[in-house]
PDB file of N, CA and C in Angstrom:
ATOM      1  N   UNK A   1       6.410 -17.019-223.385  1.00  0.00           N
ATOM      2  CA  UNK A   1       5.953 -15.840-224.082  1.00  0.00           C
ATOM      3  C   UNK A   1       4.426 -15.823-224.003  1.00  0.00           C
ATOM      4  N   UNK A   2       3.906 -14.696-223.574  1.00  0.00           N
ATOM      5  CA  UNK A   2       2.466 -14.616-223.428  1.00  0.00           C
ATOM      6  C   UNK A   2       1.818 -14.198-224.752  1.00  0.00           C
ATOM      7  N   UNK A   3       0.472 -14.376-224.788  1.00  0.00           N
ATOM      8  CA  UNK A   3      -0.270 -14.082-226.011  1.00  0.00           C
ATOM      9  C   UNK A   3      -0.204 -12.628-226.414  1.00  0.00           C
ATOM     10  N   UNK A   4      -0.047 -11.729-225.453  1.00  0.00           N
ATOM     11  CA  UNK A   4      -0.066 -10.313-225.807  1.00  0.00           C
ATOM     12  C   UNK A   4       1.280  -9.796-226.343  1.00  0.00           C
ATOM     13  N   UNK A   5       2.218 -10.654-226.589  1.00  0.00           N
ATOM     14  CA  UNK A   5       3.486 -10.256-227.218  1.00  0.00           C
ATOM     15  C   UNK A   5       3.495 -10.784-228.665  1.00  0.00           C
ATOM     16  N   UNK A   6       2.593 -10.264-229.463  1.00  0.00           N
ATOM     17  CA  UNK A   6       2.462 -10.799-230.826  1.00  0.00           C
ATOM     18  C   UNK A   6       3.633 -10.443-231.732  1.00  0.00           C
ATOM     19  N   UNK A   7       4.427  -9.452-231.375  1.00  0.00           N
ATOM     20  CA  UNK A   7       5.560  -9.068-232.234  1.00  0.00           C
ATOM     21  C   UNK A   7       6.899  -9.656-231.756  1.00  0.00           C
ATOM     22  N   UNK A   8       6.860 -10.473-230.709  1.00  0.00           N
ATOM     23  CA  UNK A   8       8.102 -10.944-230.095  1.00  0.00           C
ATOM     24  C   UNK A   8       8.964 -11.741-231.066  1.00  0.00           C
ATOM     25  N   UNK A   9       8.368 -12.596-231.872  1.00  0.00           N
ATOM     26  CA  UNK A   9       9.187 -13.398-232.808  1.00  0.00           C
ATOM     27  C   UNK A   9       9.879 -12.487-233.824  1.00  0.00           C
ATOM     28  N   UNK A  10       9.180 -11.463-234.278  1.00  0.00           N
ATOM     29  CA  UNK A  10       9.779 -10.522-235.209  1.00  0.00           C
ATOM     30  C   UNK A  10      10.929  -9.747-234.522  1.00  0.00           C
ATOM     31  N   UNK A  11      10.759  -9.403-233.275  1.00  0.00           N
ATOM     32  CA  UNK A  11      11.799  -8.705-232.498  1.00  0.00           C
ATOM     33  C   UNK A  11      13.054  -9.577-232.433  1.00  0.00           C
ATOM     34  N   UNK A  12      12.860 -10.847-232.069  1.00  0.00           N
ATOM     35  CA  UNK A  12      14.001 -11.770-231.971  1.00  0.00           C
ATOM     36  C   UNK A  12      14.706 -11.903-233.306  1.00  0.00           C
ATOM     37  N   UNK A  13      13.942 -12.013-234.381  1.00  0.00           N
ATOM     38  CA  UNK A  13      14.554 -12.126-235.724  1.00  0.00           C
ATOM     39  C   UNK A  13      15.319 -10.874-236.088  1.00  0.00           C
ATOM     40  N   UNK A  14      14.744  -9.738-235.795  1.00  0.00           N
ATOM     41  CA  UNK A  14      15.457  -8.482-236.106  1.00  0.00           C
ATOM     42  C   UNK A  14      16.730  -8.369-235.319  1.00  0.00           C
ATOM     43  N   UNK A  15      16.675  -8.735-234.035  1.00  0.00           N
ATOM     44  CA  UNK A  15      17.899  -8.651-233.216  1.00  0.00           C
ATOM     45  C   UNK A  15      18.964  -9.606-233.712  1.00  0.00           C
ATOM     46  N   UNK A  16      18.586 -10.743-234.221  1.00  0.00           N
ATOM     47  CA  UNK A  16      19.568 -11.690-234.793  1.00  0.00           C
ATOM     48  C   UNK A  16      20.249 -11.064-236.026  1.00  0.00           C
ATOM     49  N   UNK A  17      19.444 -10.402-236.865  1.00  0.00           N
ATOM     50  CA  UNK A  17      20.030  -9.718-238.051  1.00  0.00           C
ATOM     51  C   UNK A  17      20.945  -8.583-237.621  1.00  0.00           C
ATOM     52  N   UNK A  18      20.558  -7.820-236.614  1.00  0.00           N
ATOM     53  CA  UNK A  18      21.388  -6.734-236.094  1.00  0.00           C
ATOM     54  C   UNK A  18      22.697  -7.289-235.558  1.00  0.00           C
ATOM     55  N   UNK A  19      22.607  -8.402-234.829  1.00  0.00           N
ATOM     56  CA  UNK A  19      23.803  -9.052-234.266  1.00  0.00           C
ATOM     57  C   UNK A  19      24.768  -9.425-235.403  1.00  0.00           C
ATOM     58  N   UNK A  20      24.257  -9.994-236.456  1.00  0.00           N
ATOM     59  CA  UNK A  20      25.118 -10.346-237.605  1.00  0.00           C
ATOM     60  C   UNK A  20      25.716  -9.132-238.246  1.00  0.00           C
ATOM     61  N   UNK A  21      24.917  -8.086-238.350  1.00  0.00           N
ATOM     62  CA  UNK A  21      25.398  -6.831-238.955  1.00  0.00           C
ATOM     63  C   UNK A  21      26.526  -6.240-238.124  1.00  0.00           C
ATOM     64  N   UNK A  22      26.381  -6.260-236.805  1.00  0.00           N
ATOM     65  CA  UNK A  22      27.423  -5.730-235.934  1.00  0.00           C
ATOM     66  C   UNK A  22      28.700  -6.539-236.088  1.00  0.00           C
ATOM     67  N   UNK A  23      28.592  -7.859-236.160  1.00  0.00           N
ATOM     68  CA  UNK A  23      29.779  -8.710-236.375  1.00  0.00           C
ATOM     69  C   UNK A  23      30.496  -8.368-237.682  1.00  0.00           C
ATOM     70  N   UNK A  24      29.723  -8.151-238.738  1.00  0.00           N
ATOM     71  CA  UNK A  24      30.341  -7.840-240.037  1.00  0.00           C
ATOM     72  C   UNK A  24      31.035  -6.471-239.979  1.00  0.00           C
ATOM     73  N   UNK A  25      30.441  -5.511-239.294  1.00  0.00           N
ATOM     74  CA  UNK A  25      31.088  -4.183-239.177  1.00  0.00           C
ATOM     75  C   UNK A  25      32.376  -4.306-238.350  1.00  0.00           C
ATOM     76  N   UNK A  26      32.338  -5.139-237.343  1.00  0.00           N
ATOM     77  CA  UNK A  26      33.548  -5.358-236.513  1.00  0.00           C
ATOM     78  C   UNK A  26      34.642  -5.935-237.411  1.00  0.00           C
ATOM     79  N   UNK A  27      34.302  -6.878-238.264  1.00  0.00           N
ATOM     80  CA  UNK A  27      35.279  -7.432-239.196  1.00  0.00           C
ATOM     81  C   UNK A  27      35.783  -6.376-240.168  1.00  0.00           C
ATOM     82  N   UNK A  28      34.879  -5.511-240.633  1.00  0.00           N
ATOM     83  CA  UNK A  28      35.276  -4.425-241.538  1.00  0.00           C
ATOM     84  C   UNK A  28      36.317  -3.541-240.849  1.00  0.00           C
ATOM     85  N   UNK A  29      36.055  -3.210-239.584  1.00  0.00           N
ATOM     86  CA  UNK A  29      36.976  -2.354-238.853  1.00  0.00           C
ATOM     87  C   UNK A  29      38.329  -3.061-238.679  1.00  0.00           C
ATOM     88  N   UNK A  30      38.274  -4.336-238.392  1.00  0.00           N
ATOM     89  CA  UNK A  30      39.509  -5.093-238.200  1.00  0.00           C
ATOM     90  C   UNK A  30      40.372  -5.251-239.448  1.00  0.00           C
ATOM     91  N   UNK A  31      39.713  -5.166-240.618  1.00  0.00           N
ATOM     92  CA  UNK A  31      40.466  -5.307-241.870  1.00  0.00           C
ATOM     93  C   UNK A  31      40.830  -3.936-242.481  1.00  0.00           C
ATOM     94  N   UNK A  32      40.576  -2.890-241.739  1.00  0.00           N
ATOM     95  CA  UNK A  32      41.009  -1.567-242.173  1.00  0.00           C
ATOM     96  C   UNK A  32      40.112  -0.898-243.237  1.00  0.00           C
ATOM     97  N   UNK A  33      38.841  -1.274-243.254  1.00  0.00           N
ATOM     98  CA  UNK A  33      37.932  -0.629-244.229  1.00  0.00           C
ATOM     99  C   UNK A  33      37.836   0.871-243.957  1.00  0.00           C
ATOM    100  N   UNK A  34      37.437   1.567-244.969  1.00  0.00           N
ATOM    101  CA  UNK A  34      37.287   3.012-244.955  1.00  0.00           C
ATOM    102  C   UNK A  34      36.383   3.473-243.818  1.00  0.00           C
ATOM    103  N   UNK A  35      36.776   4.532-243.137  1.00  0.00           N
ATOM    104  CA  UNK A  35      35.988   5.077-242.012  1.00  0.00           C
ATOM    105  C   UNK A  35      34.578   5.469-242.438  1.00  0.00           C
ATOM    106  N   UNK A  36      34.473   6.030-243.627  1.00  0.00           N
ATOM    107  CA  UNK A  36      33.141   6.420-244.142  1.00  0.00           C
ATOM    108  C   UNK A  36      32.220   5.213-244.260  1.00  0.00           C
ATOM    109  N   UNK A  37      32.777   4.097-244.767  1.00  0.00           N
ATOM    110  CA  UNK A  37      31.986   2.876-244.873  1.00  0.00           C
ATOM    111  C   UNK A  37      31.514   2.380-243.502  1.00  0.00           C
ATOM    112  N   UNK A  38      32.418   2.459-242.525  1.00  0.00           N
ATOM    113  CA  UNK A  38      32.083   2.031-241.188  1.00  0.00           C
ATOM    114  C   UNK A  38      30.968   2.912-240.592  1.00  0.00           C
ATOM    115  N   UNK A  39      31.068   4.212-240.825  1.00  0.00           N
ATOM    116  CA  UNK A  39      30.043   5.123-240.274  1.00  0.00           C
ATOM    117  C   UNK A  39      28.671   4.855-240.930  1.00  0.00           C
ATOM    118  N   UNK A  40      28.668   4.599-242.223  1.00  0.00           N
ATOM    119  CA  UNK A  40      27.403   4.291-242.908  1.00  0.00           C
ATOM    120  C   UNK A  40      26.791   3.002-242.343  1.00  0.00           C
ATOM    121  N   UNK A  41      27.606   2.026-242.091  1.00  0.00           N
ATOM    122  CA  UNK A  41      27.098   0.762-241.523  1.00  0.00           C
ATOM    123  C   UNK A  41      26.610   0.946-240.095  1.00  0.00           C
ATOM    124  N   UNK A  42      27.316   1.752-239.321  1.00  0.00           N
ATOM    125  CA  UNK A  42      26.853   2.062-237.957  1.00  0.00           C
ATOM    126  C   UNK A  42      25.541   2.782-237.949  1.00  0.00           C
ATOM    127  N   UNK A  43      25.348   3.688-238.904  1.00  0.00           N
ATOM    128  CA  UNK A  43      24.070   4.398-239.019  1.00  0.00           C
ATOM    129  C   UNK A  43      22.936   3.402-239.353  1.00  0.00           C
ATOM    130  N   UNK A  44      23.230   2.439-240.188  1.00  0.00           N
ATOM    131  CA  UNK A  44      22.228   1.422-240.523  1.00  0.00           C
ATOM    132  C   UNK A  44      21.878   0.586-239.320  1.00  0.00           C
ATOM    133  N   UNK A  45      22.882   0.223-238.518  1.00  0.00           N
ATOM    134  CA  UNK A  45      22.645  -0.534-237.281  1.00  0.00           C
ATOM    135  C   UNK A  45      21.816   0.272-236.287  1.00  0.00           C
ATOM    136  N   UNK A  46      22.165   1.536-236.149  1.00  0.00           N
ATOM    137  CA  UNK A  46      21.392   2.394-235.228  1.00  0.00           C
ATOM    138  C   UNK A  46      19.933   2.480-235.670  1.00  0.00           C
ATOM    139  N   UNK A  47      19.704   2.632-236.954  1.00  0.00           N
ATOM    140  CA  UNK A  47      18.353   2.701-237.486  1.00  0.00           C
ATOM    141  C   UNK A  47      17.596   1.393-237.236  1.00  0.00           C
ATOM    142  N   UNK A  48      18.298   0.268-237.421  1.00  0.00           N
ATOM    143  CA  UNK A  48      17.667  -1.034-237.203  1.00  0.00           C
ATOM    144  C   UNK A  48      17.321  -1.216-235.712  1.00  0.00           C
ATOM    145  N   UNK A  49      18.180  -0.749-234.825  1.00  0.00           N
ATOM    146  CA  UNK A  49      17.913  -0.814-233.372  1.00  0.00           C
ATOM    147  C   UNK A  49      16.707   0.059-233.020  1.00  0.00           C
ATOM    148  N   UNK A  50      16.639   1.259-233.601  1.00  0.00           N
ATOM    149  CA  UNK A  50      15.505   2.130-233.339  1.00  0.00           C
ATOM    150  C   UNK A  50      14.186   1.490-233.798  1.00  0.00           C
ATOM    151  N   UNK A  51      14.217   0.879-234.972  1.00  0.00           N
ATOM    152  CA  UNK A  51      13.016   0.201-235.492  1.00  0.00           C
ATOM    153  C   UNK A  51      12.621  -0.961-234.586  1.00  0.00           C
ATOM    154  N   UNK A  52      13.593  -1.665-234.103  1.00  0.00           N
ATOM    155  CA  UNK A  52      13.319  -2.788-233.195  1.00  0.00           C
ATOM    156  C   UNK A  52      12.729  -2.241-231.892  1.00  0.00           C
ATOM    157  N   UNK A  53      13.284  -1.157-231.400  1.00  0.00           N
ATOM    158  CA  UNK A  53      12.757  -0.534-230.174  1.00  0.00           C
ATOM    159  C   UNK A  53      11.317  -0.075-230.367  1.00  0.00           C
ATOM    160  N   UNK A  54      11.018   0.495-231.519  1.00  0.00           N
ATOM    161  CA  UNK A  54       9.620   0.919-231.793  1.00  0.00           C
ATOM    162  C   UNK A  54       8.679  -0.303-231.809  1.00  0.00           C
ATOM    163  N   UNK A  55       9.141  -1.394-232.351  1.00  0.00           N
ATOM    164  CA  UNK A  55       8.304  -2.603-232.391  1.00  0.00           C
ATOM    165  C   UNK A  55       8.057  -3.147-230.991  1.00  0.00           C
ATOM    166  N   UNK A  56       9.092  -3.094-230.154  1.00  0.00           N
ATOM    167  CA  UNK A  56       8.941  -3.533-228.747  1.00  0.00           C
ATOM    168  C   UNK A  56       7.969  -2.611-228.037  1.00  0.00           C
ATOM    169  N   UNK A  57       8.081  -1.334-228.268  1.00  0.00           N
ATOM    170  CA  UNK A  57       7.167  -0.354-227.640  1.00  0.00           C
ATOM    171  C   UNK A  57       5.717  -0.625-228.111  1.00  0.00           C
ATOM    172  N   UNK A  58       5.543  -0.887-229.391  1.00  0.00           N
ATOM    173  CA  UNK A  58       4.215  -1.178-229.908  1.00  0.00           C
ATOM    174  C   UNK A  58       3.647  -2.432-229.230  1.00  0.00           C
ATOM    175  N   UNK A  59       4.479  -3.466-229.148  1.00  0.00           N
ATOM    176  CA  UNK A  59       4.094  -4.706-228.492  1.00  0.00           C
ATOM    177  C   UNK A  59       3.673  -4.431-227.040  1.00  0.00           C
ATOM    178  N   UNK A  60       4.456  -3.630-226.370  1.00  0.00           N
ATOM    179  CA  UNK A  60       4.169  -3.287-224.961  1.00  0.00           C
ATOM    180  C   UNK A  60       2.883  -2.522-224.828  1.00  0.00           C
ATOM    181  N   UNK A  61       2.687  -1.551-225.691  1.00  0.00           N
ATOM    182  CA  UNK A  61       1.460  -0.752-225.607  1.00  0.00           C
ATOM    183  C   UNK A  61       0.219  -1.561-225.920  1.00  0.00           C
ATOM    184  N   UNK A  62       0.274  -2.344-226.976  1.00  0.00           N
ATOM    185  CA  UNK A  62      -0.875  -3.101-227.432  1.00  0.00           C
ATOM    186  C   UNK A  62      -1.212  -4.285-226.493  1.00  0.00           C
ATOM    187  N   UNK A  63      -0.199  -4.757-225.798  1.00  0.00           N
ATOM    188  CA  UNK A  63      -0.412  -5.915-224.938  1.00  0.00           C
ATOM    189  C   UNK A  63      -0.347  -5.599-223.470  1.00  0.00           C
ATOM    190  N   UNK A  64       0.831  -5.402-222.969  1.00  0.00           N
ATOM    191  CA  UNK A  64       1.074  -5.227-221.542  1.00  0.00           C
ATOM    192  C   UNK A  64       0.329  -4.056-220.942  1.00  0.00           C
ATOM    193  N   UNK A  65       0.442  -2.888-221.598  1.00  0.00           N
ATOM    194  CA  UNK A  65      -0.165  -1.692-221.039  1.00  0.00           C
ATOM    195  C   UNK A  65      -1.715  -1.784-221.060  1.00  0.00           C
ATOM    196  N   UNK A  66      -2.252  -2.229-222.178  1.00  0.00           N
ATOM    197  CA  UNK A  66      -3.712  -2.384-222.263  1.00  0.00           C
ATOM    198  C   UNK A  66      -4.219  -3.340-221.218  1.00  0.00           C
ATOM    199  N   UNK A  67      -3.523  -4.473-221.087  1.00  0.00           N
ATOM    200  CA  UNK A  67      -3.931  -5.492-220.098  1.00  0.00           C
ATOM    201  C   UNK A  67      -3.834  -4.947-218.685  1.00  0.00           C
ATOM    202  N   UNK A  68      -2.757  -4.250-218.367  1.00  0.00           N
ATOM    203  CA  UNK A  68      -2.553  -3.704-217.012  1.00  0.00           C
ATOM    204  C   UNK A  68      -3.623  -2.686-216.668  1.00  0.00           C
ATOM    205  N   UNK A  69      -3.975  -1.833-217.653  1.00  0.00           N
ATOM    206  CA  UNK A  69      -5.001  -0.800-217.388  1.00  0.00           C
ATOM    207  C   UNK A  69      -6.361  -1.471-217.186  1.00  0.00           C
ATOM    208  N   UNK A  70      -6.667  -2.517-217.972  1.00  0.00           N
ATOM    209  CA  UNK A  70      -7.919  -3.252-217.788  1.00  0.00           C
ATOM    210  C   UNK A  70      -7.999  -3.847-216.392  1.00  0.00           C
ATOM    211  N   UNK A  71      -6.853  -4.240-215.837  1.00  0.00           N
ATOM    212  CA  UNK A  71      -6.813  -4.833-214.508  1.00  0.00           C
ATOM    213  C   UNK A  71      -6.713  -3.753-213.415  1.00  0.00           C
ATOM    214  N   UNK A  72      -6.702  -2.468-213.807  1.00  0.00           N
ATOM    215  CA  UNK A  72      -6.659  -1.384-212.847  1.00  0.00           C
ATOM    216  C   UNK A  72      -5.275  -0.995-212.395  1.00  0.00           C
ATOM    217  N   UNK A  73      -4.248  -1.500-213.009  1.00  0.00           N
ATOM    218  CA  UNK A  73      -2.865  -1.160-212.640  1.00  0.00           C
ATOM    219  C   UNK A  73      -2.449   0.112-213.370  1.00  0.00           C
ATOM    220  N   UNK A  74      -2.619   1.231-212.721  1.00  0.00           N
ATOM    221  CA  UNK A  74      -2.259   2.491-213.363  1.00  0.00           C
ATOM    222  C   UNK A  74      -0.776   2.822-213.191  1.00  0.00           C
ATOM    223  N   UNK A  75      -0.057   2.053-212.381  1.00  0.00           N
ATOM    224  CA  UNK A  75       1.364   2.243-212.216  1.00  0.00           C
ATOM    225  C   UNK A  75       2.121   1.905-213.506  1.00  0.00           C
ATOM    226  N   UNK A  76       1.447   1.154-214.396  1.00  0.00           N
ATOM    227  CA  UNK A  76       2.056   0.770-215.654  1.00  0.00           C
ATOM    228  C   UNK A  76       2.402   2.022-216.492  1.00  0.00           C
ATOM    229  N   UNK A  77       1.635   3.068-216.370  1.00  0.00           N
ATOM    230  CA  UNK A  77       1.948   4.320-217.111  1.00  0.00           C
ATOM    231  C   UNK A  77       3.265   4.918-216.632  1.00  0.00           C
ATOM    232  N   UNK A  78       3.444   4.919-215.337  1.00  0.00           N
ATOM    233  CA  UNK A  78       4.680   5.427-214.744  1.00  0.00           C
ATOM    234  C   UNK A  78       5.876   4.618-215.228  1.00  0.00           C
ATOM    235  N   UNK A  79       5.728   3.302-215.256  1.00  0.00           N
ATOM    236  CA  UNK A  79       6.820   2.421-215.739  1.00  0.00           C
ATOM    237  C   UNK A  79       7.056   2.643-217.232  1.00  0.00           C
ATOM    238  N   UNK A  80       5.988   2.843-217.988  1.00  0.00           N
ATOM    239  CA  UNK A  80       6.108   3.085-219.424  1.00  0.00           C
ATOM    240  C   UNK A  80       6.885   4.398-219.655  1.00  0.00           C
ATOM    241  N   UNK A  81       6.514   5.437-218.942  1.00  0.00           N
ATOM    242  CA  UNK A  81       7.206   6.732-219.091  1.00  0.00           C
ATOM    243  C   UNK A  81       8.682   6.596-218.764  1.00  0.00           C
ATOM    244  N   UNK A  82       8.991   5.842-217.714  1.00  0.00           N
ATOM    245  CA  UNK A  82      10.395   5.611-217.330  1.00  0.00           C
ATOM    246  C   UNK A  82      11.141   4.901-218.442  1.00  0.00           C
ATOM    247  N   UNK A  83      10.531   3.858-219.024  1.00  0.00           N
ATOM    248  CA  UNK A  83      11.153   3.107-220.105  1.00  0.00           C
ATOM    249  C   UNK A  83      11.387   4.007-221.325  1.00  0.00           C
ATOM    250  N   UNK A  84      10.396   4.815-221.657  1.00  0.00           N
ATOM    251  CA  UNK A  84      10.517   5.708-222.802  1.00  0.00           C
ATOM    252  C   UNK A  84      11.642   6.726-222.566  1.00  0.00           C
ATOM    253  N   UNK A  85      11.740   7.277-221.361  1.00  0.00           N
ATOM    254  CA  UNK A  85      12.817   8.205-221.042  1.00  0.00           C
ATOM    255  C   UNK A  85      14.161   7.571-221.214  1.00  0.00           C
ATOM    256  N   UNK A  86      14.290   6.310-220.845  1.00  0.00           N
ATOM    257  CA  UNK A  86      15.575   5.620-220.972  1.00  0.00           C
ATOM    258  C   UNK A  86      15.877   5.238-222.424  1.00  0.00           C
ATOM    259  N   UNK A  87      14.846   4.950-223.196  1.00  0.00           N
ATOM    260  CA  UNK A  87      15.012   4.555-224.588  1.00  0.00           C
ATOM    261  C   UNK A  87      15.339   5.766-225.456  1.00  0.00           C
ATOM    262  N   UNK A  88      14.665   6.871-225.202  1.00  0.00           N
ATOM    263  CA  UNK A  88      14.841   8.112-226.001  1.00  0.00           C
ATOM    264  C   UNK A  88      15.637   9.105-225.152  1.00  0.00           C
ATOM    265  N   UNK A  89      16.900   9.207-225.403  1.00  0.00           N
ATOM    266  CA  UNK A  89      17.744  10.162-224.645  1.00  0.00           C
ATOM    267  C   UNK A  89      18.242  11.236-225.553  1.00  0.00           C
TER     268      UNK A  89
END
């Protein structure tokens, strides 16, 4: 992990919590919990994933993109736009 990924530990921790949340919702579905409850939990998971994605984007912008532009690599903008297009559909 390089120095310019200052949010990476937080990203890993968030993903671990999301993973646990998904497992618990899977168990809820397997035990026949109410559909409304499942949908509420899925919305919470989606929100957590979006927040994690924003943190990764912030990490990328503050570190990788800034560093690449300083080094004259303008192709990084094209790659960033491609990643954003895939993340936000």
